[in-house]
Amino acid sequence: METTKKQFDEVIGICRGIFEQKLRDYGASWRIMRPESITDQIFIKAKRIRNIETGVEQKVDESILGGFIAIVNYGIIGLIQLELGYSDGVDIDTDTAIQFYDKHITVTKELMYAKNNDYGEAWRDMRISSYTDLILTKINRTKTIESNGGKTLASEGVDANYMDMINYALFGLIKLHFGEK
């Protein structure tokens, strides 16, 4: 588990670095996005990854690695938006946005550690393409929950689905960054 924690921290550091750079470029412009729009943004990133995996001709040079990074960062943005609600403008500064990022990635990482303990690191024996399919499944579940006004009868909410999407993307990043095993 120590190797997993180090690998998680390294790929999270990559994602956080990109998040921080984009914050400095654009500010927290994403504050205007409603959670449904964030779910759709994650969908287009996951769909692009799947298209690359299945051999659809690429006309824009964007990697699977970049797609997973975007899914992690949009997932964190989704969690922030669920906590704060959306805004009509940029209402938080860069430092505050990074504090929210750190808060939500920590909670998400702790969830992964708990599940990883229970599942015995089964994710290491999975294919990267399976993470893509699981993310797409979580997106479809999230869209249904959003269409139902956030109400569920027996299932986890949108926040749990965002955290699962983030963790599947982090698994993919670990395999792409460190190699399959």
N, C-alpha and C. Protein backbone atom coordinates (compact mmCIF):
# COMPACT_ATOMS: atom_id res chain seq x y z
N MET A 1 0.83 -1.20 0.00
CA MET A 1 0.00 0.00 0.00
C MET A 1 0.87 1.26 0.00
N GLU A 2 2.08 1.17 0.54
CA GLU A 2 2.96 2.35 0.56
C GLU A 2 3.33 2.78 -0.86
N THR A 3 3.57 1.81 -1.75
CA THR A 3 3.86 2.14 -3.14
C THR A 3 2.66 2.85 -3.76
N THR A 4 1.47 2.35 -3.50
CA THR A 4 0.26 2.97 -4.03
C THR A 4 0.14 4.40 -3.54
N LYS A 5 0.37 4.63 -2.26
CA LYS A 5 0.26 5.99 -1.71
C LYS A 5 1.26 6.93 -2.38
N LYS A 6 2.49 6.47 -2.58
CA LYS A 6 3.50 7.31 -3.24
C LYS A 6 3.10 7.59 -4.68
N GLN A 7 2.62 6.56 -5.37
CA GLN A 7 2.22 6.75 -6.76
C GLN A 7 1.01 7.68 -6.86
N PHE A 8 0.05 7.53 -5.97
CA PHE A 8 -1.10 8.42 -5.95
C PHE A 8 -0.65 9.85 -5.73
N ASP A 9 0.21 10.06 -4.75
CA ASP A 9 0.67 11.41 -4.46
C ASP A 9 1.39 12.02 -5.66
N GLU A 10 2.16 11.22 -6.38
CA GLU A 10 2.88 11.75 -7.54
C GLU A 10 1.93 12.16 -8.66
N VAL A 11 0.98 11.30 -9.01
CA VAL A 11 0.07 11.67 -10.10
C VAL A 11 -0.90 12.77 -9.67
N ILE A 12 -1.27 12.79 -8.40
CA ILE A 12 -2.09 13.90 -7.90
C ILE A 12 -1.31 15.20 -8.01
N GLY A 13 -0.02 15.15 -7.72
CA GLY A 13 0.82 16.34 -7.85
C GLY A 13 0.84 16.86 -9.29
N ILE A 14 0.87 15.96 -10.25
CA ILE A 14 0.82 16.36 -11.66
C ILE A 14 -0.52 17.05 -11.96
N CYS A 15 -1.61 16.44 -11.52
CA CYS A 15 -2.95 17.01 -11.75
C CYS A 15 -3.09 18.37 -11.08
N ARG A 16 -2.64 18.44 -9.85
CA ARG A 16 -2.73 19.70 -9.09
C ARG A 16 -1.90 20.79 -9.75
N GLY A 17 -0.73 20.43 -10.26
CA GLY A 17 0.11 21.40 -10.95
C GLY A 17 -0.58 22.00 -12.17
N ILE A 18 -1.23 21.14 -12.97
CA ILE A 18 -1.98 21.61 -14.13
C ILE A 18 -3.15 22.50 -13.69
N PHE A 19 -3.86 22.05 -12.65
CA PHE A 19 -4.99 22.83 -12.11
C PHE A 19 -4.51 24.22 -11.71
N GLU A 20 -3.41 24.27 -10.99
CA GLU A 20 -2.89 25.56 -10.51
C GLU A 20 -2.44 26.44 -11.68
N GLN A 21 -1.80 25.87 -12.67
CA GLN A 21 -1.38 26.66 -13.84
C GLN A 21 -2.58 27.24 -14.57
N LYS A 22 -3.61 26.42 -14.74
CA LYS A 22 -4.80 26.91 -15.44
C LYS A 22 -5.53 27.95 -14.61
N LEU A 23 -5.51 27.79 -13.29
CA LEU A 23 -6.10 28.81 -12.41
C LEU A 23 -5.40 30.14 -12.61
N ARG A 24 -4.09 30.10 -12.71
CA ARG A 24 -3.31 31.33 -12.89
C ARG A 24 -3.57 31.94 -14.27
N ASP A 25 -3.85 31.10 -15.27
CA ASP A 25 -4.17 31.59 -16.61
C ASP A 25 -5.58 32.18 -16.69
N TYR A 26 -6.57 31.46 -16.11
CA TYR A 26 -7.98 31.81 -16.31
C TYR A 26 -8.71 32.26 -15.06
N GLY A 27 -8.09 32.12 -13.90
CA GLY A 27 -8.83 32.33 -12.67
C GLY A 27 -9.80 31.17 -12.47
N ALA A 28 -10.68 31.30 -11.52
CA ALA A 28 -11.67 30.24 -11.24
C ALA A 28 -12.90 30.47 -12.12
N SER A 29 -12.67 30.59 -13.43
CA SER A 29 -13.76 30.86 -14.38
C SER A 29 -14.82 29.76 -14.36
N TRP A 30 -14.43 28.56 -13.94
CA TRP A 30 -15.35 27.43 -13.85
C TRP A 30 -16.42 27.62 -12.78
N ARG A 31 -16.31 28.64 -11.95
CA ARG A 31 -17.31 28.86 -10.89
C ARG A 31 -18.71 29.08 -11.46
N ILE A 32 -18.82 29.46 -12.73
CA ILE A 32 -20.14 29.67 -13.33
C ILE A 32 -20.80 28.36 -13.76
N MET A 33 -20.03 27.27 -13.76
CA MET A 33 -20.56 26.00 -14.27
C MET A 33 -21.46 25.31 -13.24
N ARG A 34 -22.61 24.88 -13.72
CA ARG A 34 -23.48 24.06 -12.88
C ARG A 34 -22.93 22.63 -12.90
N PRO A 35 -23.22 21.85 -11.86
CA PRO A 35 -22.69 20.47 -11.83
C PRO A 35 -23.02 19.66 -13.09
N GLU A 36 -24.20 19.85 -13.66
CA GLU A 36 -24.57 19.12 -14.86
C GLU A 36 -23.59 19.41 -16.01
N SER A 37 -23.14 20.66 -16.11
CA SER A 37 -22.19 21.03 -17.16
C SER A 37 -20.82 20.40 -16.90
N ILE A 38 -20.47 20.28 -15.65
CA ILE A 38 -19.20 19.63 -15.30
C ILE A 38 -19.27 18.15 -15.65
N THR A 39 -20.40 17.52 -15.34
CA THR A 39 -20.59 16.12 -15.71
C THR A 39 -20.44 15.95 -17.22
N ASP A 40 -21.02 16.86 -17.98
CA ASP A 40 -20.89 16.79 -19.44
C ASP A 40 -19.45 17.01 -19.89
N GLN A 41 -18.73 17.87 -19.22
CA GLN A 41 -17.32 18.10 -19.57
C GLN A 41 -16.50 16.84 -19.30
N ILE A 42 -16.76 16.18 -18.19
CA ILE A 42 -16.08 14.91 -17.89
C ILE A 42 -16.45 13.88 -18.96
N PHE A 43 -17.73 13.88 -19.37
CA PHE A 43 -18.17 12.96 -20.41
C PHE A 43 -17.37 13.12 -21.69
N ILE A 44 -17.18 14.37 -22.15
CA ILE A 44 -16.47 14.54 -23.42
C ILE A 44 -15.00 14.12 -23.30
N LYS A 45 -14.42 14.30 -22.12
CA LYS A 45 -13.03 13.85 -21.92
C LYS A 45 -12.96 12.32 -21.93
N ALA A 46 -13.89 11.66 -21.25
CA ALA A 46 -13.90 10.19 -21.20
C ALA A 46 -14.22 9.62 -22.58
N LYS A 47 -15.15 10.25 -23.30
CA LYS A 47 -15.50 9.79 -24.65
C LYS A 47 -14.30 9.91 -25.58
N ARG A 48 -13.54 10.99 -25.44
CA ARG A 48 -12.33 11.17 -26.25
C ARG A 48 -11.31 10.08 -25.95
N ILE A 49 -11.12 9.78 -24.66
CA ILE A 49 -10.20 8.70 -24.28
C ILE A 49 -10.65 7.39 -24.93
N ARG A 50 -11.94 7.10 -24.85
CA ARG A 50 -12.45 5.85 -25.43
C ARG A 50 -12.24 5.82 -26.94
N ASN A 51 -12.45 6.94 -27.60
CA ASN A 51 -12.22 7.01 -29.04
C ASN A 51 -10.75 6.73 -29.37
N ILE A 52 -9.84 7.28 -28.59
CA ILE A 52 -8.41 7.02 -28.80
C ILE A 52 -8.13 5.53 -28.59
N GLU A 53 -8.69 4.98 -27.51
CA GLU A 53 -8.46 3.56 -27.20
C GLU A 53 -8.99 2.63 -28.29
N THR A 54 -10.08 3.04 -28.94
CA THR A 54 -10.69 2.17 -29.94
C THR A 54 -10.21 2.48 -31.36
N GLY A 55 -9.24 3.38 -31.48
CA GLY A 55 -8.61 3.62 -32.77
C GLY A 55 -9.27 4.64 -33.67
N VAL A 56 -10.20 5.43 -33.14
CA VAL A 56 -10.79 6.50 -33.95
C VAL A 56 -9.68 7.49 -34.31
N GLU A 57 -9.66 7.90 -35.56
CA GLU A 57 -8.61 8.82 -36.03
C GLU A 57 -8.63 10.12 -35.22
N GLN A 58 -7.46 10.50 -34.74
CA GLN A 58 -7.32 11.75 -33.98
C GLN A 58 -6.96 12.88 -34.91
N LYS A 59 -7.67 13.99 -34.78
CA LYS A 59 -7.34 15.19 -35.54
C LYS A 59 -6.79 16.28 -34.65
N VAL A 60 -6.87 16.07 -33.34
CA VAL A 60 -6.30 16.99 -32.35
C VAL A 60 -5.35 16.17 -31.50
N ASP A 61 -4.18 16.71 -31.26
CA ASP A 61 -3.17 15.99 -30.50
C ASP A 61 -3.42 16.14 -29.00
N GLU A 62 -4.23 15.24 -28.46
CA GLU A 62 -4.50 15.20 -27.02
C GLU A 62 -4.36 13.75 -26.59
N SER A 63 -3.62 13.52 -25.53
CA SER A 63 -3.30 12.16 -25.11
C SER A 63 -4.32 11.61 -24.12
N ILE A 64 -4.28 10.30 -23.95
CA ILE A 64 -5.08 9.65 -22.91
C ILE A 64 -4.67 10.19 -21.55
N LEU A 65 -3.38 10.36 -21.34
CA LEU A 65 -2.87 10.91 -20.08
C LEU A 65 -3.52 12.26 -19.80
N GLY A 66 -3.52 13.14 -20.81
CA GLY A 66 -4.13 14.47 -20.64
C GLY A 66 -5.62 14.38 -20.35
N GLY A 67 -6.28 13.41 -20.96
CA GLY A 67 -7.71 13.23 -20.71
C GLY A 67 -7.99 12.81 -19.28
N PHE A 68 -7.17 11.88 -18.76
CA PHE A 68 -7.35 11.47 -17.37
C PHE A 68 -7.06 12.61 -16.40
N ILE A 69 -6.05 13.41 -16.70
CA ILE A 69 -5.76 14.58 -15.85
C ILE A 69 -6.96 15.51 -15.83
N ALA A 70 -7.55 15.75 -17.00
CA ALA A 70 -8.72 16.62 -17.07
C ALA A 70 -9.89 16.04 -16.27
N ILE A 71 -10.09 14.73 -16.33
CA ILE A 71 -11.18 14.11 -15.56
C ILE A 71 -10.96 14.30 -14.07
N VAL A 72 -9.73 14.12 -13.60
CA VAL A 72 -9.42 14.35 -12.19
C VAL A 72 -9.77 15.79 -11.82
N ASN A 73 -9.27 16.73 -12.61
CA ASN A 73 -9.46 18.14 -12.26
C ASN A 73 -10.91 18.59 -12.38
N TYR A 74 -11.62 18.14 -13.41
CA TYR A 74 -13.04 18.48 -13.50
C TYR A 74 -13.84 17.80 -12.39
N GLY A 75 -13.44 16.59 -12.00
CA GLY A 75 -14.10 15.93 -10.87
C GLY A 75 -13.97 16.72 -9.59
N ILE A 76 -12.78 17.25 -9.35
CA ILE A 76 -12.57 18.10 -8.16
C ILE A 76 -13.39 19.38 -8.28
N ILE A 77 -13.40 19.98 -9.46
CA ILE A 77 -14.23 21.17 -9.67
C ILE A 77 -15.69 20.83 -9.38
N GLY A 78 -16.15 19.66 -9.83
CA GLY A 78 -17.52 19.24 -9.54
C GLY A 78 -17.80 19.16 -8.05
N LEU A 79 -16.86 18.59 -7.31
CA LEU A 79 -17.03 18.50 -5.85
C LEU A 79 -17.06 19.89 -5.21
N ILE A 80 -16.23 20.78 -5.70
CA ILE A 80 -16.23 22.16 -5.17
C ILE A 80 -17.57 22.82 -5.47
N GLN A 81 -18.06 22.64 -6.69
CA GLN A 81 -19.33 23.25 -7.06
C GLN A 81 -20.50 22.68 -6.25
N LEU A 82 -20.44 21.37 -5.97
CA LEU A 82 -21.49 20.79 -5.12
C LEU A 82 -21.46 21.40 -3.73
N GLU A 83 -20.26 21.68 -3.23
CA GLU A 83 -20.14 22.28 -1.90
C GLU A 83 -20.58 23.74 -1.88
N LEU A 84 -20.11 24.51 -2.85
CA LEU A 84 -20.33 25.96 -2.83
C LEU A 84 -21.57 26.40 -3.62
N GLY A 85 -22.03 25.56 -4.53
CA GLY A 85 -23.03 26.01 -5.49
C GLY A 85 -22.32 26.79 -6.59
N TYR A 86 -22.98 26.95 -7.72
CA TYR A 86 -22.35 27.70 -8.79
C TYR A 86 -22.59 29.19 -8.57
N SER A 87 -21.82 30.00 -9.29
CA SER A 87 -21.85 31.44 -9.12
C SER A 87 -22.08 32.11 -10.48
N ASP A 88 -22.44 33.37 -10.47
CA ASP A 88 -22.59 34.10 -11.72
C ASP A 88 -21.28 34.70 -12.20
N GLY A 89 -20.23 34.51 -11.41
CA GLY A 89 -18.93 35.04 -11.80
C GLY A 89 -17.85 34.41 -10.94
N VAL A 90 -16.64 34.86 -11.14
CA VAL A 90 -15.50 34.37 -10.38
C VAL A 90 -15.56 35.02 -8.99
N ASP A 91 -15.83 34.20 -7.99
CA ASP A 91 -16.02 34.74 -6.64
C ASP A 91 -15.02 34.18 -5.62
N ILE A 92 -14.03 33.42 -6.11
CA ILE A 92 -12.96 32.96 -5.22
C ILE A 92 -11.63 33.20 -5.92
N ASP A 93 -10.62 33.47 -5.11
CA ASP A 93 -9.30 33.71 -5.69
C ASP A 93 -8.54 32.39 -5.85
N THR A 94 -7.39 32.48 -6.46
CA THR A 94 -6.58 31.30 -6.76
C THR A 94 -6.24 30.51 -5.50
N ASP A 95 -5.79 31.19 -4.47
CA ASP A 95 -5.40 30.49 -3.24
C ASP A 95 -6.58 29.75 -2.61
N THR A 96 -7.75 30.36 -2.61
CA THR A 96 -8.94 29.72 -2.06
C THR A 96 -9.33 28.50 -2.90
N ALA A 97 -9.26 28.64 -4.21
CA ALA A 97 -9.58 27.52 -5.10
C ALA A 97 -8.63 26.35 -4.84
N ILE A 98 -7.36 26.64 -4.64
CA ILE A 98 -6.39 25.58 -4.38
C ILE A 98 -6.66 24.93 -3.02
N GLN A 99 -7.07 25.71 -2.04
CA GLN A 99 -7.43 25.13 -0.74
C GLN A 99 -8.61 24.17 -0.88
N PHE A 100 -9.61 24.55 -1.67
CA PHE A 100 -10.74 23.65 -1.92
C PHE A 100 -10.28 22.40 -2.67
N TYR A 101 -9.40 22.58 -3.65
CA TYR A 101 -8.86 21.44 -4.39
C TYR A 101 -8.20 20.46 -3.43
N ASP A 102 -7.33 20.97 -2.57
CA ASP A 102 -6.61 20.11 -1.63
C ASP A 102 -7.57 19.40 -0.67
N LYS A 103 -8.59 20.10 -0.22
CA LYS A 103 -9.58 19.50 0.68
C LYS A 103 -10.28 18.32 -0.01
N HIS A 104 -10.74 18.53 -1.23
CA HIS A 104 -11.51 17.49 -1.91
C HIS A 104 -10.64 16.35 -2.42
N ILE A 105 -9.42 16.63 -2.83
CA ILE A 105 -8.56 15.53 -3.27
C ILE A 105 -8.16 14.67 -2.08
N THR A 106 -8.03 15.27 -0.91
CA THR A 106 -7.69 14.50 0.29
C THR A 106 -8.83 13.55 0.66
N VAL A 107 -10.05 14.03 0.64
CA VAL A 107 -11.21 13.17 0.95
C VAL A 107 -11.32 12.05 -0.08
N THR A 108 -11.12 12.39 -1.35
CA THR A 108 -11.21 11.40 -2.43
C THR A 108 -10.12 10.35 -2.30
N LYS A 109 -8.93 10.78 -1.96
CA LYS A 109 -7.80 9.86 -1.78
C LYS A 109 -8.05 8.93 -0.60
N GLU A 110 -8.60 9.44 0.47
CA GLU A 110 -8.91 8.60 1.63
C GLU A 110 -9.96 7.55 1.29
N LEU A 111 -10.93 7.92 0.46
CA LEU A 111 -11.92 6.95 0.01
C LEU A 111 -11.24 5.83 -0.78
N MET A 112 -10.31 6.21 -1.66
CA MET A 112 -9.59 5.21 -2.44
C MET A 112 -8.80 4.28 -1.53
N TYR A 113 -8.13 4.83 -0.53
CA TYR A 113 -7.35 3.98 0.38
C TYR A 113 -8.25 2.97 1.07
N ALA A 114 -9.43 3.40 1.51
CA ALA A 114 -10.35 2.49 2.19
C ALA A 114 -10.84 1.40 1.23
N LYS A 115 -11.24 1.80 0.02
CA LYS A 115 -11.71 0.80 -0.96
C LYS A 115 -10.57 -0.10 -1.41
N ASN A 116 -9.38 0.48 -1.58
CA ASN A 116 -8.22 -0.29 -2.01
C ASN A 116 -7.88 -1.37 -0.98
N ASN A 117 -8.02 -1.04 0.28
CA ASN A 117 -7.80 -2.02 1.34
C ASN A 117 -8.80 -3.17 1.20
N ASP A 118 -10.07 -2.82 1.01
CA ASP A 118 -11.11 -3.83 0.93
C ASP A 118 -11.01 -4.70 -0.32
N TYR A 119 -10.58 -4.09 -1.44
CA TYR A 119 -10.52 -4.82 -2.72
C TYR A 119 -9.14 -5.39 -3.01
N GLY A 120 -8.18 -5.16 -2.14
CA GLY A 120 -6.86 -5.75 -2.31
C GLY A 120 -6.12 -5.31 -3.56
N GLU A 121 -6.21 -4.04 -3.88
CA GLU A 121 -5.53 -3.47 -5.06
C GLU A 121 -5.89 -4.18 -6.36
N ALA A 122 -7.13 -4.62 -6.47
CA ALA A 122 -7.59 -5.30 -7.69
C ALA A 122 -7.42 -4.42 -8.93
N TRP A 123 -7.45 -3.10 -8.75
CA TRP A 123 -7.32 -2.18 -9.88
C TRP A 123 -6.01 -2.38 -10.64
N ARG A 124 -4.99 -2.87 -9.96
CA ARG A 124 -3.69 -3.06 -10.61
C ARG A 124 -3.75 -4.15 -11.69
N ASP A 125 -4.72 -5.07 -11.57
CA ASP A 125 -4.87 -6.15 -12.55
C ASP A 125 -5.90 -5.83 -13.64
N MET A 126 -6.44 -4.63 -13.58
CA MET A 126 -7.43 -4.22 -14.59
C MET A 126 -6.74 -3.53 -15.76
N ARG A 127 -7.44 -3.50 -16.86
CA ARG A 127 -6.97 -2.79 -18.06
C ARG A 127 -7.32 -1.31 -17.94
N ILE A 128 -6.49 -0.46 -18.53
CA ILE A 128 -6.77 0.97 -18.53
C ILE A 128 -8.12 1.25 -19.20
N SER A 129 -8.41 0.52 -20.25
CA SER A 129 -9.69 0.73 -20.96
C SER A 129 -10.89 0.44 -20.05
N SER A 130 -10.72 -0.42 -19.07
CA SER A 130 -11.81 -0.68 -18.12
C SER A 130 -12.09 0.54 -17.26
N TYR A 131 -11.04 1.28 -16.90
CA TYR A 131 -11.25 2.52 -16.13
C TYR A 131 -12.08 3.50 -16.94
N THR A 132 -11.79 3.57 -18.23
CA THR A 132 -12.55 4.46 -19.11
C THR A 132 -14.01 4.06 -19.11
N ASP A 133 -14.27 2.77 -19.28
CA ASP A 133 -15.66 2.30 -19.29
C ASP A 133 -16.36 2.53 -17.96
N LEU A 134 -15.64 2.33 -16.86
CA LEU A 134 -16.23 2.57 -15.55
C LEU A 134 -16.53 4.06 -15.33
N ILE A 135 -15.65 4.93 -15.83
CA ILE A 135 -15.91 6.37 -15.74
C ILE A 135 -17.15 6.72 -16.55
N LEU A 136 -17.26 6.18 -17.75
CA LEU A 136 -18.45 6.45 -18.57
C LEU A 136 -19.72 5.93 -17.89
N THR A 137 -19.63 4.79 -17.23
CA THR A 137 -20.77 4.26 -16.48
C THR A 137 -21.15 5.20 -15.34
N LYS A 138 -20.15 5.67 -14.61
CA LYS A 138 -20.41 6.61 -13.50
C LYS A 138 -21.02 7.92 -14.02
N ILE A 139 -20.59 8.35 -15.20
CA ILE A 139 -21.16 9.56 -15.80
C ILE A 139 -22.64 9.33 -16.09
N ASN A 140 -22.98 8.19 -16.68
CA ASN A 140 -24.39 7.90 -16.96
C ASN A 140 -25.22 7.84 -15.69
N ARG A 141 -24.66 7.25 -14.65
CA ARG A 141 -25.37 7.22 -13.36
C ARG A 141 -25.56 8.63 -12.83
N THR A 142 -24.52 9.43 -12.93
CA THR A 142 -24.57 10.81 -12.43
C THR A 142 -25.62 11.61 -13.20
N LYS A 143 -25.68 11.45 -14.50
CA LYS A 143 -26.68 12.16 -15.30
C LYS A 143 -28.09 11.77 -14.87
N THR A 144 -28.30 10.51 -14.58
CA THR A 144 -29.62 10.06 -14.12
C THR A 144 -29.96 10.70 -12.77
N ILE A 145 -29.00 10.70 -11.86
CA ILE A 145 -29.23 11.32 -10.55
C ILE A 145 -29.52 12.81 -10.72
N GLU A 146 -28.75 13.47 -11.59
CA GLU A 146 -28.98 14.90 -11.82
C GLU A 146 -30.37 15.14 -12.42
N SER A 147 -30.79 14.27 -13.34
CA SER A 147 -32.13 14.39 -13.94
C SER A 147 -33.23 14.18 -12.91
N ASN A 148 -32.92 13.42 -11.86
CA ASN A 148 -33.87 13.18 -10.78
C ASN A 148 -33.73 14.19 -9.65
N GLY A 149 -33.13 15.32 -9.94
CA GLY A 149 -32.99 16.38 -8.94
C GLY A 149 -32.06 16.02 -7.80
N GLY A 150 -31.14 15.10 -8.03
CA GLY A 150 -30.18 14.71 -7.00
C GLY A 150 -30.70 13.66 -6.04
N LYS A 151 -31.92 13.20 -6.27
CA LYS A 151 -32.54 12.21 -5.37
C LYS A 151 -32.16 10.79 -5.77
N THR A 152 -31.84 9.97 -4.77
CA THR A 152 -31.59 8.55 -4.99
C THR A 152 -32.40 7.75 -3.98
N LEU A 153 -32.71 6.52 -4.32
CA LEU A 153 -33.44 5.64 -3.41
C LEU A 153 -32.50 4.75 -2.62
N ALA A 154 -31.50 4.20 -3.30
CA ALA A 154 -30.61 3.24 -2.64
C ALA A 154 -29.15 3.44 -3.04
N SER A 155 -28.87 4.49 -3.77
CA SER A 155 -27.54 4.66 -4.33
C SER A 155 -26.84 5.87 -3.74
N GLU A 156 -25.52 5.90 -3.97
CA GLU A 156 -24.73 7.05 -3.56
C GLU A 156 -25.10 8.24 -4.43
N GLY A 157 -24.73 9.42 -3.98
CA GLY A 157 -25.07 10.64 -4.70
C GLY A 157 -24.04 11.03 -5.75
N VAL A 158 -24.23 12.21 -6.29
CA VAL A 158 -23.34 12.74 -7.32
C VAL A 158 -21.92 12.86 -6.79
N ASP A 159 -21.77 13.30 -5.55
CA ASP A 159 -20.41 13.47 -5.00
C ASP A 159 -19.63 12.16 -4.99
N ALA A 160 -20.25 11.09 -4.59
CA ALA A 160 -19.57 9.78 -4.57
C ALA A 160 -19.20 9.33 -5.97
N ASN A 161 -20.05 9.63 -6.95
CA ASN A 161 -19.75 9.28 -8.33
C ASN A 161 -18.58 10.09 -8.86
N TYR A 162 -18.54 11.39 -8.53
CA TYR A 162 -17.38 12.20 -8.92
C TYR A 162 -16.09 11.63 -8.31
N MET A 163 -16.15 11.25 -7.03
CA MET A 163 -14.95 10.70 -6.39
C MET A 163 -14.51 9.40 -7.05
N ASP A 164 -15.46 8.55 -7.41
CA ASP A 164 -15.10 7.31 -8.10
C ASP A 164 -14.48 7.61 -9.47
N MET A 165 -15.04 8.57 -10.21
CA MET A 165 -14.47 8.94 -11.50
C MET A 165 -13.03 9.43 -11.34
N ILE A 166 -12.82 10.26 -10.33
CA ILE A 166 -11.47 10.77 -10.05
C ILE A 166 -10.53 9.61 -9.77
N ASN A 167 -10.95 8.70 -8.92
CA ASN A 167 -10.06 7.58 -8.56
C ASN A 167 -9.79 6.66 -9.74
N TYR A 168 -10.78 6.38 -10.58
CA TYR A 168 -10.52 5.57 -11.77
C TYR A 168 -9.52 6.27 -12.69
N ALA A 169 -9.67 7.58 -12.83
CA ALA A 169 -8.73 8.34 -13.66
C ALA A 169 -7.33 8.31 -13.05
N LEU A 170 -7.25 8.39 -11.73
CA LEU A 170 -5.94 8.32 -11.07
C LEU A 170 -5.30 6.93 -11.27
N PHE A 171 -6.12 5.87 -11.24
CA PHE A 171 -5.58 4.54 -11.53
C PHE A 171 -4.96 4.51 -12.93
N GLY A 172 -5.70 5.06 -13.89
CA GLY A 172 -5.19 5.12 -15.26
C GLY A 172 -3.90 5.92 -15.34
N LEU A 173 -3.85 7.04 -14.65
CA LEU A 173 -2.64 7.87 -14.65
C LEU A 173 -1.45 7.12 -14.05
N ILE A 174 -1.70 6.40 -12.97
CA ILE A 174 -0.60 5.63 -12.35
C ILE A 174 -0.07 4.61 -13.36
N LYS A 175 -0.97 3.89 -14.02
CA LYS A 175 -0.50 2.88 -14.98
C LYS A 175 0.21 3.51 -16.17
N LEU A 176 -0.28 4.64 -16.65
CA LEU A 176 0.36 5.30 -17.78
C LEU A 176 1.69 5.92 -17.37
N HIS A 177 1.75 6.48 -16.18
CA HIS A 177 2.96 7.17 -15.72
C HIS A 177 4.05 6.21 -15.26
N PHE A 178 3.65 5.16 -14.55
CA PHE A 178 4.63 4.23 -13.97
C PHE A 178 4.76 2.91 -14.74
N GLY A 179 3.86 2.68 -15.68
CA GLY A 179 3.85 1.40 -16.39
C GLY A 179 2.74 0.53 -15.86
N GLU A 180 2.41 -0.49 -16.59
CA GLU A 180 1.25 -1.34 -16.27
C GLU A 180 1.34 -2.03 -14.92
N LYS A 181 2.49 -2.45 -14.46
CA LYS A 181 2.55 -3.17 -13.17
C LYS A 181 3.25 -2.39 -12.12
